[in-house]
Amino acid sequence: MIRITRGNINSKKHKKYLHLAKGYVGANSRLSTLAMEQFIQSGKFSYTGRKLKKRDYRCIWIYRINAAVRAHNLNYSKFMGTLHKKNIFLNRKSLAYIAFHDSKSFNVIARLIKN
């Protein structure tokens, strides 16, 4: 039985995955099957990584707000609860930015919460 090389469509598919897997280590960038598998796996990891990054940033924002609130002898959860009760709708990202970069403004917010 003779071996045949695949047609135009398969070689295009192989080239596509080899191009996408450029820069991967070892056979993952040279063999079309491994390149395809590695590219799919990398895509899954990058999707998961984007979700984890959002989670990490939210944790950082909470740490920053908590540290700033503790300087005013307050508790983070009570601080956030009172913010919502007093209809001050600032999200954690903006509060963390204010606490980290503009302490005077955060002092004003903390005074509003204490009263």
PDB file of N, CA and C in Angstrom:
ATOM      1  N   MET A   1       0.845  -1.190   0.000  1.00  0.00           N
ATOM      2  CA  MET A   1       0.000   0.000   0.000  1.00  0.00           C
ATOM      3  C   MET A   1       0.885   1.247   0.000  1.00  0.00           C
ATOM      4  N   ILE A   2       0.550   2.184  -0.868  1.00  0.00           N
ATOM      5  CA  ILE A   2       1.345   3.408  -0.921  1.00  0.00           C
ATOM      6  C   ILE A   2       0.870   4.392   0.143  1.00  0.00           C
ATOM      7  N   ARG A   3       1.819   5.147   0.642  1.00  0.00           N
ATOM      8  CA  ARG A   3       1.446   6.228   1.552  1.00  0.00           C
ATOM      9  C   ARG A   3       1.175   7.472   0.740  1.00  0.00           C
ATOM     10  N   ILE A   4       0.192   8.214   1.176  1.00  0.00           N
ATOM     11  CA  ILE A   4      -0.092   9.449   0.449  1.00  0.00           C
ATOM     12  C   ILE A   4       0.062  10.630   1.399  1.00  0.00           C
ATOM     13  N   THR A   5       0.477  11.747   0.842  1.00  0.00           N
ATOM     14  CA  THR A   5       0.492  12.968   1.641  1.00  0.00           C
ATOM     15  C   THR A   5      -0.896  13.557   1.547  1.00  0.00           C
ATOM     16  N   ARG A   6      -1.350  14.131   2.617  1.00  0.00           N
ATOM     17  CA  ARG A   6      -2.701  14.668   2.635  1.00  0.00           C
ATOM     18  C   ARG A   6      -2.792  15.865   1.697  1.00  0.00           C
ATOM     19  N   GLY A   7      -3.988  16.245   1.394  1.00  0.00           N
ATOM     20  CA  GLY A   7      -4.202  17.306   0.416  1.00  0.00           C
ATOM     21  C   GLY A   7      -3.960  18.693   0.960  1.00  0.00           C
ATOM     22  N   ASN A   8      -4.412  19.620   0.202  1.00  0.00           N
ATOM     23  CA  ASN A   8      -4.213  21.041   0.466  1.00  0.00           C
ATOM     24  C   ASN A   8      -4.859  21.477   1.783  1.00  0.00           C
ATOM     25  N   ILE A   9      -6.042  20.973   2.070  1.00  0.00           N
ATOM     26  CA  ILE A   9      -6.799  21.412   3.246  1.00  0.00           C
ATOM     27  C   ILE A   9      -6.069  21.033   4.530  1.00  0.00           C
ATOM     28  N   ASN A  10      -5.593  19.801   4.603  1.00  0.00           N
ATOM     29  CA  ASN A  10      -4.889  19.372   5.813  1.00  0.00           C
ATOM     30  C   ASN A  10      -3.587  20.132   6.014  1.00  0.00           C
ATOM     31  N   SER A  11      -2.851  20.378   4.939  1.00  0.00           N
ATOM     32  CA  SER A  11      -1.591  21.103   5.109  1.00  0.00           C
ATOM     33  C   SER A  11      -1.859  22.533   5.562  1.00  0.00           C
ATOM     34  N   LYS A  12      -2.967  23.110   5.101  1.00  0.00           N
ATOM     35  CA  LYS A  12      -3.326  24.458   5.572  1.00  0.00           C
ATOM     36  C   LYS A  12      -3.660  24.440   7.060  1.00  0.00           C
ATOM     37  N   LYS A  13      -4.376  23.395   7.475  1.00  0.00           N
ATOM     38  CA  LYS A  13      -4.739  23.273   8.888  1.00  0.00           C
ATOM     39  C   LYS A  13      -3.482  23.109   9.747  1.00  0.00           C
ATOM     40  N   HIS A  14      -2.554  22.264   9.272  1.00  0.00           N
ATOM     41  CA  HIS A  14      -1.314  22.062  10.016  1.00  0.00           C
ATOM     42  C   HIS A  14      -0.525  23.352  10.122  1.00  0.00           C
ATOM     43  N   LYS A  15      -0.428  24.072   9.005  1.00  0.00           N
ATOM     44  CA  LYS A  15       0.314  25.343   9.021  1.00  0.00           C
ATOM     45  C   LYS A  15      -0.320  26.342   9.976  1.00  0.00           C
ATOM     46  N   LYS A  16      -1.662  26.345   9.980  1.00  0.00           N
ATOM     47  CA  LYS A  16      -2.373  27.281  10.854  1.00  0.00           C
ATOM     48  C   LYS A  16      -1.999  27.031  12.313  1.00  0.00           C
ATOM     49  N   TYR A  17      -2.061  25.778  12.745  1.00  0.00           N
ATOM     50  CA  TYR A  17      -1.743  25.473  14.140  1.00  0.00           C
ATOM     51  C   TYR A  17      -0.264  25.655  14.442  1.00  0.00           C
ATOM     52  N   LEU A  18       0.600  25.360  13.486  1.00  0.00           N
ATOM     53  CA  LEU A  18       2.031  25.589  13.711  1.00  0.00           C
ATOM     54  C   LEU A  18       2.323  27.081  13.845  1.00  0.00           C
ATOM     55  N   HIS A  19       1.606  27.883  13.082  1.00  0.00           N
ATOM     56  CA  HIS A  19       1.788  29.338  13.189  1.00  0.00           C
ATOM     57  C   HIS A  19       1.280  29.838  14.546  1.00  0.00           C
ATOM     58  N   LEU A  20       0.135  29.306  14.991  1.00  0.00           N
ATOM     59  CA  LEU A  20      -0.429  29.735  16.281  1.00  0.00           C
ATOM     60  C   LEU A  20       0.422  29.272  17.455  1.00  0.00           C
ATOM     61  N   ALA A  21       1.126  28.142  17.285  1.00  0.00           N
ATOM     62  CA  ALA A  21       1.925  27.577  18.376  1.00  0.00           C
ATOM     63  C   ALA A  21       3.368  28.050  18.325  1.00  0.00           C
ATOM     64  N   LYS A  22       3.633  29.080  17.571  1.00  0.00           N
ATOM     65  CA  LYS A  22       4.998  29.601  17.456  1.00  0.00           C
ATOM     66  C   LYS A  22       5.471  30.105  18.817  1.00  0.00           C
ATOM     67  N   GLY A  23       6.638  29.697  19.219  1.00  0.00           N
ATOM     68  CA  GLY A  23       7.175  30.134  20.502  1.00  0.00           C
ATOM     69  C   GLY A  23       6.987  29.123  21.615  1.00  0.00           C
ATOM     70  N   TYR A  24       6.196  28.080  21.377  1.00  0.00           N
ATOM     71  CA  TYR A  24       6.050  27.038  22.387  1.00  0.00           C
ATOM     72  C   TYR A  24       7.336  26.214  22.444  1.00  0.00           C
ATOM     73  N   VAL A  25       7.560  25.536  23.551  1.00  0.00           N
ATOM     74  CA  VAL A  25       8.807  24.832  23.775  1.00  0.00           C
ATOM     75  C   VAL A  25       8.772  23.432  23.153  1.00  0.00           C
ATOM     76  N   GLY A  26       9.883  23.039  22.529  1.00  0.00           N
ATOM     77  CA  GLY A  26      10.070  21.672  22.048  1.00  0.00           C
ATOM     78  C   GLY A  26       9.153  21.301  20.900  1.00  0.00           C
ATOM     79  N   ALA A  27       8.684  20.059  20.934  1.00  0.00           N
ATOM     80  CA  ALA A  27       7.857  19.519  19.847  1.00  0.00           C
ATOM     81  C   ALA A  27       6.512  20.224  19.758  1.00  0.00           C
ATOM     82  N   ASN A  28       6.096  20.918  20.801  1.00  0.00           N
ATOM     83  CA  ASN A  28       4.811  21.620  20.789  1.00  0.00           C
ATOM     84  C   ASN A  28       4.766  22.719  19.733  1.00  0.00           C
ATOM     85  N   SER A  29       5.913  23.163  19.277  1.00  0.00           N
ATOM     86  CA  SER A  29       5.922  24.188  18.234  1.00  0.00           C
ATOM     87  C   SER A  29       6.317  23.621  16.876  1.00  0.00           C
ATOM     88  N   ARG A  30       6.673  22.313  16.824  1.00  0.00           N
ATOM     89  CA  ARG A  30       7.164  21.739  15.568  1.00  0.00           C
ATOM     90  C   ARG A  30       6.280  20.645  14.980  1.00  0.00           C
ATOM     91  N   LEU A  31       5.585  19.897  15.825  1.00  0.00           N
ATOM     92  CA  LEU A  31       4.730  18.818  15.340  1.00  0.00           C
ATOM     93  C   LEU A  31       3.273  19.288  15.348  1.00  0.00           C
ATOM     94  N   SER A  32       2.609  19.072  14.229  1.00  0.00           N
ATOM     95  CA  SER A  32       1.281  19.674  14.078  1.00  0.00           C
ATOM     96  C   SER A  32       0.266  19.149  15.094  1.00  0.00           C
ATOM     97  N   THR A  33       0.294  17.859  15.391  1.00  0.00           N
ATOM     98  CA  THR A  33      -0.672  17.300  16.344  1.00  0.00           C
ATOM     99  C   THR A  33      -0.435  17.862  17.735  1.00  0.00           C
ATOM    100  N   LEU A  34       0.816  17.852  18.151  1.00  0.00           N
ATOM    101  CA  LEU A  34       1.137  18.386  19.480  1.00  0.00           C
ATOM    102  C   LEU A  34       0.880  19.884  19.545  1.00  0.00           C
ATOM    103  N   ALA A  35       1.149  20.586  18.452  1.00  0.00           N
ATOM    104  CA  ALA A  35       0.908  22.029  18.415  1.00  0.00           C
ATOM    105  C   ALA A  35      -0.582  22.317  18.588  1.00  0.00           C
ATOM    106  N   MET A  36      -1.418  21.532  17.933  1.00  0.00           N
ATOM    107  CA  MET A  36      -2.861  21.723  18.038  1.00  0.00           C
ATOM    108  C   MET A  36      -3.331  21.467  19.465  1.00  0.00           C
ATOM    109  N   GLU A  37      -2.859  20.354  20.050  1.00  0.00           N
ATOM    110  CA  GLU A  37      -3.256  20.035  21.424  1.00  0.00           C
ATOM    111  C   GLU A  37      -2.794  21.113  22.399  1.00  0.00           C
ATOM    112  N   GLN A  38      -1.558  21.559  22.218  1.00  0.00           N
ATOM    113  CA  GLN A  38      -1.007  22.565  23.119  1.00  0.00           C
ATOM    114  C   GLN A  38      -1.736  23.895  22.970  1.00  0.00           C
ATOM    115  N   PHE A  39      -2.107  24.236  21.740  1.00  0.00           N
ATOM    116  CA  PHE A  39      -2.823  25.497  21.499  1.00  0.00           C
ATOM    117  C   PHE A  39      -4.192  25.464  22.170  1.00  0.00           C
ATOM    118  N   ILE A  40      -4.877  24.341  22.074  1.00  0.00           N
ATOM    119  CA  ILE A  40      -6.193  24.211  22.712  1.00  0.00           C
ATOM    120  C   ILE A  40      -6.056  24.306  24.225  1.00  0.00           C
ATOM    121  N   GLN A  41      -5.054  23.627  24.765  1.00  0.00           N
ATOM    122  CA  GLN A  41      -4.834  23.661  26.212  1.00  0.00           C
ATOM    123  C   GLN A  41      -4.451  25.073  26.670  1.00  0.00           C
ATOM    124  N   SER A  42      -3.626  25.747  25.881  1.00  0.00           N
ATOM    125  CA  SER A  42      -3.220  27.112  26.229  1.00  0.00           C
ATOM    126  C   SER A  42      -4.415  28.049  26.230  1.00  0.00           C
ATOM    127  N   GLY A  43      -5.316  27.825  25.285  1.00  0.00           N
ATOM    128  CA  GLY A  43      -6.531  28.637  25.240  1.00  0.00           C
ATOM    129  C   GLY A  43      -7.380  28.464  26.483  1.00  0.00           C
ATOM    130  N   LYS A  44      -7.475  27.226  26.955  1.00  0.00           N
ATOM    131  CA  LYS A  44      -8.243  26.958  28.175  1.00  0.00           C
ATOM    132  C   LYS A  44      -7.589  27.627  29.379  1.00  0.00           C
ATOM    133  N   PHE A  45      -6.255  27.521  29.443  1.00  0.00           N
ATOM    134  CA  PHE A  45      -5.537  28.138  30.559  1.00  0.00           C
ATOM    135  C   PHE A  45      -5.676  29.654  30.545  1.00  0.00           C
ATOM    136  N   SER A  46      -5.611  30.248  29.356  1.00  0.00           N
ATOM    137  CA  SER A  46      -5.699  31.706  29.292  1.00  0.00           C
ATOM    138  C   SER A  46      -7.093  32.183  29.676  1.00  0.00           C
ATOM    139  N   TYR A  47      -8.121  31.421  29.302  1.00  0.00           N
ATOM    140  CA  TYR A  47      -9.497  31.761  29.684  1.00  0.00           C
ATOM    141  C   TYR A  47      -9.630  31.723  31.203  1.00  0.00           C
ATOM    142  N   THR A  48      -9.128  30.636  31.803  1.00  0.00           N
ATOM    143  CA  THR A  48      -9.176  30.504  33.260  1.00  0.00           C
ATOM    144  C   THR A  48      -8.372  31.604  33.932  1.00  0.00           C
ATOM    145  N   GLY A  49      -7.208  31.927  33.340  1.00  0.00           N
ATOM    146  CA  GLY A  49      -6.349  32.957  33.909  1.00  0.00           C
ATOM    147  C   GLY A  49      -7.009  34.323  33.925  1.00  0.00           C
ATOM    148  N   ARG A  50      -7.787  34.612  32.889  1.00  0.00           N
ATOM    149  CA  ARG A  50      -8.488  35.902  32.858  1.00  0.00           C
ATOM    150  C   ARG A  50      -9.523  35.991  33.965  1.00  0.00           C
ATOM    151  N   LYS A  51     -10.188  34.886  34.245  1.00  0.00           N
ATOM    152  CA  LYS A  51     -11.168  34.874  35.331  1.00  0.00           C
ATOM    153  C   LYS A  51     -10.470  35.003  36.690  1.00  0.00           C
ATOM    154  N   LEU A  52      -9.340  34.314  36.849  1.00  0.00           N
ATOM    155  CA  LEU A  52      -8.600  34.378  38.110  1.00  0.00           C
ATOM    156  C   LEU A  52      -8.040  35.772  38.353  1.00  0.00           C
ATOM    157  N   LYS A  53      -7.653  36.449  37.268  1.00  0.00           N
ATOM    158  CA  LYS A  53      -7.100  37.793  37.408  1.00  0.00           C
ATOM    159  C   LYS A  53      -8.140  38.747  37.991  1.00  0.00           C
ATOM    160  N   LYS A  54      -9.382  38.605  37.548  1.00  0.00           N
ATOM    161  CA  LYS A  54     -10.462  39.434  38.092  1.00  0.00           C
ATOM    162  C   LYS A  54     -10.643  39.177  39.586  1.00  0.00           C
ATOM    163  N   ARG A  55     -10.552  37.893  39.957  1.00  0.00           N
ATOM    164  CA  ARG A  55     -10.697  37.526  41.362  1.00  0.00           C
ATOM    165  C   ARG A  55      -9.565  38.126  42.186  1.00  0.00           C
ATOM    166  N   ASP A  56      -8.338  38.054  41.656  1.00  0.00           N
ATOM    167  CA  ASP A  56      -7.174  38.582  42.375  1.00  0.00           C
ATOM    168  C   ASP A  56      -7.272  40.086  42.571  1.00  0.00           C
ATOM    169  N   TYR A  57      -7.709  40.793  41.523  1.00  0.00           N
ATOM    170  CA  TYR A  57      -7.837  42.241  41.641  1.00  0.00           C
ATOM    171  C   TYR A  57      -8.873  42.623  42.689  1.00  0.00           C
ATOM    172  N   ARG A  58      -9.967  41.900  42.723  1.00  0.00           N
ATOM    173  CA  ARG A  58     -10.992  42.188  43.730  1.00  0.00           C
ATOM    174  C   ARG A  58     -10.421  42.004  45.134  1.00  0.00           C
ATOM    175  N   CYS A  59      -9.614  40.965  45.344  1.00  0.00           N
ATOM    176  CA  CYS A  59      -8.967  40.753  46.648  1.00  0.00           C
ATOM    177  C   CYS A  59      -8.045  41.913  47.008  1.00  0.00           C
ATOM    178  N   ILE A  60      -7.286  42.390  46.027  1.00  0.00           N
ATOM    179  CA  ILE A  60      -6.370  43.510  46.265  1.00  0.00           C
ATOM    180  C   ILE A  60      -7.150  44.761  46.655  1.00  0.00           C
ATOM    181  N   TRP A  61      -8.266  44.997  45.958  1.00  0.00           N
ATOM    182  CA  TRP A  61      -9.084  46.167  46.293  1.00  0.00           C
ATOM    183  C   TRP A  61      -9.604  46.072  47.721  1.00  0.00           C
ATOM    184  N   ILE A  62     -10.048  44.884  48.113  1.00  0.00           N
ATOM    185  CA  ILE A  62     -10.580  44.706  49.467  1.00  0.00           C
ATOM    186  C   ILE A  62      -9.480  44.906  50.503  1.00  0.00           C
ATOM    187  N   TYR A  63      -8.269  44.390  50.225  1.00  0.00           N
ATOM    188  CA  TYR A  63      -7.143  44.602  51.143  1.00  0.00           C
ATOM    189  C   TYR A  63      -6.855  46.086  51.331  1.00  0.00           C
ATOM    190  N   ARG A  64      -6.840  46.825  50.233  1.00  0.00           N
ATOM    191  CA  ARG A  64      -6.524  48.257  50.316  1.00  0.00           C
ATOM    192  C   ARG A  64      -7.590  49.025  51.080  1.00  0.00           C
ATOM    193  N   ILE A  65      -8.845  48.728  50.799  1.00  0.00           N
ATOM    194  CA  ILE A  65      -9.934  49.413  51.510  1.00  0.00           C
ATOM    195  C   ILE A  65      -9.874  49.068  52.991  1.00  0.00           C
ATOM    196  N   ASN A  66      -9.655  47.802  53.305  1.00  0.00           N
ATOM    197  CA  ASN A  66      -9.601  47.356  54.690  1.00  0.00           C
ATOM    198  C   ASN A  66      -8.474  48.053  55.443  1.00  0.00           C
ATOM    199  N   ALA A  67      -7.304  48.169  54.805  1.00  0.00           N
ATOM    200  CA  ALA A  67      -6.171  48.829  55.468  1.00  0.00           C
ATOM    201  C   ALA A  67      -6.480  50.296  55.737  1.00  0.00           C
ATOM    202  N   ALA A  68      -7.116  50.953  54.772  1.00  0.00           N
ATOM    203  CA  ALA A  68      -7.440  52.367  54.953  1.00  0.00           C
ATOM    204  C   ALA A  68      -8.519  52.552  56.016  1.00  0.00           C
ATOM    205  N   VAL A  69      -9.459  51.640  56.063  1.00  0.00           N
ATOM    206  CA  VAL A  69     -10.563  51.730  57.023  1.00  0.00           C
ATOM    207  C   VAL A  69     -10.067  51.466  58.435  1.00  0.00           C
ATOM    208  N   ARG A  70      -9.149  50.516  58.568  1.00  0.00           N
ATOM    209  CA  ARG A  70      -8.599  50.200  59.894  1.00  0.00           C
ATOM    210  C   ARG A  70      -7.871  51.397  60.500  1.00  0.00           C
ATOM    211  N   ALA A  71      -7.305  52.251  59.652  1.00  0.00           N
ATOM    212  CA  ALA A  71      -6.630  53.463  60.153  1.00  0.00           C
ATOM    213  C   ALA A  71      -7.631  54.408  60.814  1.00  0.00           C
ATOM    214  N   HIS A  72      -8.903  54.275  60.464  1.00  0.00           N
ATOM    215  CA  HIS A  72      -9.956  55.117  61.047  1.00  0.00           C
ATOM    216  C   HIS A  72     -10.752  54.368  62.114  1.00  0.00           C
ATOM    217  N   ASN A  73     -10.188  53.284  62.632  1.00  0.00           N
ATOM    218  CA  ASN A  73     -10.820  52.452  63.671  1.00  0.00           C
ATOM    219  C   ASN A  73     -12.196  51.954  63.246  1.00  0.00           C
ATOM    220  N   LEU A  74     -12.307  51.521  62.010  1.00  0.00           N
ATOM    221  CA  LEU A  74     -13.550  50.957  61.499  1.00  0.00           C
ATOM    222  C   LEU A  74     -13.308  49.533  61.023  1.00  0.00           C
ATOM    223  N   ASN A  75     -14.390  48.856  60.727  1.00  0.00           N
ATOM    224  CA  ASN A  75     -14.340  47.494  60.236  1.00  0.00           C
ATOM    225  C   ASN A  75     -14.742  47.510  58.765  1.00  0.00           C
ATOM    226  N   TYR A  76     -14.123  46.674  57.936  1.00  0.00           N
ATOM    227  CA  TYR A  76     -14.407  46.682  56.493  1.00  0.00           C
ATOM    228  C   TYR A  76     -15.864  46.376  56.200  1.00  0.00           C
ATOM    229  N   SER A  77     -16.383  45.323  56.819  1.00  0.00           N
ATOM    230  CA  SER A  77     -17.759  44.910  56.502  1.00  0.00           C
ATOM    231  C   SER A  77     -18.769  45.957  56.965  1.00  0.00           C
ATOM    232  N   LYS A  78     -18.529  46.540  58.134  1.00  0.00           N
ATOM    233  CA  LYS A  78     -19.434  47.589  58.626  1.00  0.00           C
ATOM    234  C   LYS A  78     -19.311  48.843  57.762  1.00  0.00           C
ATOM    235  N   PHE A  79     -18.094  49.111  57.324  1.00  0.00           N
ATOM    236  CA  PHE A  79     -17.860  50.265  56.442  1.00  0.00           C
ATOM    237  C   PHE A  79     -18.647  50.117  55.144  1.00  0.00           C
ATOM    238  N   MET A  80     -18.549  48.947  54.521  1.00  0.00           N
ATOM    239  CA  MET A  80     -19.258  48.720  53.262  1.00  0.00           C
ATOM    240  C   MET A  80     -20.770  48.718  53.477  1.00  0.00           C
ATOM    241  N   GLY A  81     -21.199  48.129  54.591  1.00  0.00           N
ATOM    242  CA  GLY A  81     -22.636  48.105  54.891  1.00  0.00           C
ATOM    243  C   GLY A  81     -23.197  49.493  55.092  1.00  0.00           C
ATOM    244  N   THR A  82     -22.472  50.329  55.833  1.00  0.00           N
ATOM    245  CA  THR A  82     -22.945  51.695  56.068  1.00  0.00           C
ATOM    246  C   THR A  82     -22.904  52.531  54.800  1.00  0.00           C
ATOM    247  N   LEU A  83     -21.922  52.259  53.938  1.00  0.00           N
ATOM    248  CA  LEU A  83     -21.877  52.955  52.644  1.00  0.00           C
ATOM    249  C   LEU A  83     -23.178  52.741  51.880  1.00  0.00           C
ATOM    250  N   HIS A  84     -23.616  51.500  51.829  1.00  0.00           N
ATOM    251  CA  HIS A  84     -24.834  51.193  51.085  1.00  0.00           C
ATOM    252  C   HIS A  84     -26.080  51.738  51.785  1.00  0.00           C
ATOM    253  N   LYS A  85     -26.076  51.732  53.123  1.00  0.00           N
ATOM    254  CA  LYS A  85     -27.227  52.275  53.854  1.00  0.00           C
ATOM    255  C   LYS A  85     -27.367  53.775  53.622  1.00  0.00           C
ATOM    256  N   LYS A  86     -26.214  54.452  53.522  1.00  0.00           N
ATOM    257  CA  LYS A  86     -26.244  55.911  53.320  1.00  0.00           C
ATOM    258  C   LYS A  86     -26.321  56.288  51.839  1.00  0.00           C
ATOM    259  N   ASN A  87     -26.566  55.278  50.985  1.00  0.00           N
ATOM    260  CA  ASN A  87     -26.720  55.485  49.534  1.00  0.00           C
ATOM    261  C   ASN A  87     -25.495  56.125  48.885  1.00  0.00           C
ATOM    262  N   ILE A  88     -24.330  55.726  49.342  1.00  0.00           N
ATOM    263  CA  ILE A  88     -23.080  56.129  48.690  1.00  0.00           C
ATOM    264  C   ILE A  88     -22.642  54.927  47.865  1.00  0.00           C
ATOM    265  N   PHE A  89     -22.915  54.974  46.573  1.00  0.00           N
ATOM    266  CA  PHE A  89     -22.655  53.820  45.721  1.00  0.00           C
ATOM    267  C   PHE A  89     -21.320  53.964  45.014  1.00  0.00           C
ATOM    268  N   LEU A  90     -20.262  53.625  45.736  1.00  0.00           N
ATOM    269  CA  LEU A  90     -18.921  53.566  45.148  1.00  0.00           C
ATOM    270  C   LEU A  90     -18.504  52.102  45.123  1.00  0.00           C
ATOM    271  N   ASN A  91     -18.030  51.641  43.981  1.00  0.00           N
ATOM    272  CA  ASN A  91     -17.618  50.245  43.921  1.00  0.00           C
ATOM    273  C   ASN A  91     -16.234  50.067  44.551  1.00  0.00           C
ATOM    274  N   ARG A  92     -15.843  48.828  44.737  1.00  0.00           N
ATOM    275  CA  ARG A  92     -14.590  48.533  45.437  1.00  0.00           C
ATOM    276  C   ARG A  92     -13.372  49.038  44.674  1.00  0.00           C
ATOM    277  N   LYS A  93     -13.456  48.996  43.368  1.00  0.00           N
ATOM    278  CA  LYS A  93     -12.324  49.447  42.555  1.00  0.00           C
ATOM    279  C   LYS A  93     -12.058  50.932  42.779  1.00  0.00           C
ATOM    280  N   SER A  94     -13.111  51.742  42.716  1.00  0.00           N
ATOM    281  CA  SER A  94     -12.920  53.181  42.897  1.00  0.00           C
ATOM    282  C   SER A  94     -12.569  53.525  44.338  1.00  0.00           C
ATOM    283  N   LEU A  95     -13.167  52.809  45.293  1.00  0.00           N
ATOM    284  CA  LEU A  95     -12.813  53.045  46.702  1.00  0.00           C
ATOM    285  C   LEU A  95     -11.352  52.726  46.970  1.00  0.00           C
ATOM    286  N   ALA A  96     -10.868  51.626  46.403  1.00  0.00           N
ATOM    287  CA  ALA A  96      -9.471  51.246  46.586  1.00  0.00           C
ATOM    288  C   ALA A  96      -8.548  52.274  45.960  1.00  0.00           C
ATOM    289  N   TYR A  97      -8.934  52.796  44.798  1.00  0.00           N
ATOM    290  CA  TYR A  97      -8.123  53.816  44.140  1.00  0.00           C
ATOM    291  C   TYR A  97      -8.058  55.073  45.010  1.00  0.00           C
ATOM    292  N   ILE A  98      -9.201  55.487  45.538  1.00  0.00           N
ATOM    293  CA  ILE A  98      -9.240  56.679  46.404  1.00  0.00           C
ATOM    294  C   ILE A  98      -8.414  56.446  47.658  1.00  0.00           C
ATOM    295  N   ALA A  99      -8.546  55.259  48.257  1.00  0.00           N
ATOM    296  CA  ALA A  99      -7.819  54.957  49.494  1.00  0.00           C
ATOM    297  C   ALA A  99      -6.316  54.927  49.260  1.00  0.00           C
ATOM    298  N   PHE A 100      -5.909  54.454  48.095  1.00  0.00           N
ATOM    299  CA  PHE A 100      -4.478  54.280  47.820  1.00  0.00           C
ATOM    300  C   PHE A 100      -3.823  55.559  47.330  1.00  0.00           C
ATOM    301  N   HIS A 101      -4.533  56.340  46.514  1.00  0.00           N
ATOM    302  CA  HIS A 101      -3.920  57.507  45.881  1.00  0.00           C
ATOM    303  C   HIS A 101      -4.348  58.845  46.472  1.00  0.00           C
ATOM    304  N   ASP A 102      -5.549  58.917  47.041  1.00  0.00           N
ATOM    305  CA  ASP A 102      -6.060  60.205  47.508  1.00  0.00           C
ATOM    306  C   ASP A 102      -6.624  60.034  48.914  1.00  0.00           C
ATOM    307  N   SER A 103      -5.738  60.087  49.901  1.00  0.00           N
ATOM    308  CA  SER A 103      -6.148  59.797  51.272  1.00  0.00           C
ATOM    309  C   SER A 103      -7.066  60.876  51.856  1.00  0.00           C
ATOM    310  N   LYS A 104      -6.927  62.112  51.391  1.00  0.00           N
ATOM    311  CA  LYS A 104      -7.789  63.184  51.906  1.00  0.00           C
ATOM    312  C   LYS A 104      -9.256  62.928  51.569  1.00  0.00           C
ATOM    313  N   SER A 105      -9.492  62.514  50.348  1.00  0.00           N
ATOM    314  CA  SER A 105     -10.875  62.198  49.943  1.00  0.00           C
ATOM    315  C   SER A 105     -11.407  61.010  50.718  1.00  0.00           C
ATOM    316  N   PHE A 106     -10.553  60.026  50.954  1.00  0.00           N
ATOM    317  CA  PHE A 106     -10.994  58.860  51.708  1.00  0.00           C
ATOM    318  C   PHE A 106     -11.299  59.240  53.154  1.00  0.00           C
ATOM    319  N   ASN A 107     -10.548  60.195  53.705  1.00  0.00           N
ATOM    320  CA  ASN A 107     -10.833  60.660  55.061  1.00  0.00           C
ATOM    321  C   ASN A 107     -12.228  61.267  55.143  1.00  0.00           C
ATOM    322  N   VAL A 108     -12.620  61.994  54.107  1.00  0.00           N
ATOM    323  CA  VAL A 108     -13.955  62.597  54.069  1.00  0.00           C
ATOM    324  C   VAL A 108     -15.022  61.503  54.053  1.00  0.00           C
ATOM    325  N   ILE A 109     -14.800  60.482  53.251  1.00  0.00           N
ATOM    326  CA  ILE A 109     -15.758  59.367  53.172  1.00  0.00           C
ATOM    327  C   ILE A 109     -15.841  58.650  54.504  1.00  0.00           C
ATOM    328  N   ALA A 110     -14.708  58.435  55.151  1.00  0.00           N
ATOM    329  CA  ALA A 110     -14.678  57.751  56.447  1.00  0.00           C
ATOM    330  C   ALA A 110     -15.404  58.561  57.508  1.00  0.00           C
ATOM    331  N   ARG A 111     -15.254  59.901  57.463  1.00  0.00           N
ATOM    332  CA  ARG A 111     -15.967  60.767  58.425  1.00  0.00           C
ATOM    333  C   ARG A 111     -17.476  60.679  58.218  1.00  0.00           C
ATOM    334  N   LEU A 112     -17.886  60.602  56.957  1.00  0.00           N
ATOM    335  CA  LEU A 112     -19.329  60.467  56.671  1.00  0.00           C
ATOM    336  C   LEU A 112     -19.879  59.159  57.247  1.00  0.00           C
ATOM    337  N   ILE A 113     -19.081  58.126  57.174  1.00  0.00           N
ATOM    338  CA  ILE A 113     -19.517  56.822  57.669  1.00  0.00           C
ATOM    339  C   ILE A 113     -19.574  56.814  59.198  1.00  0.00           C
ATOM    340  N   LYS A 114     -18.624  57.467  59.844  1.00  0.00           N
ATOM    341  CA  LYS A 114     -18.589  57.468  61.308  1.00  0.00           C
ATOM    342  C   LYS A 114     -19.777  58.201  61.890  1.00  0.00           C
ATOM    343  N   ASN A 115     -20.220  59.246  61.242  1.00  0.00           N
ATOM    344  CA  ASN A 115     -21.328  60.067  61.791  1.00  0.00           C
ATOM    345  C   ASN A 115     -22.661  59.440  61.564  1.00  0.00           C
TER     346      ASN A 115
END
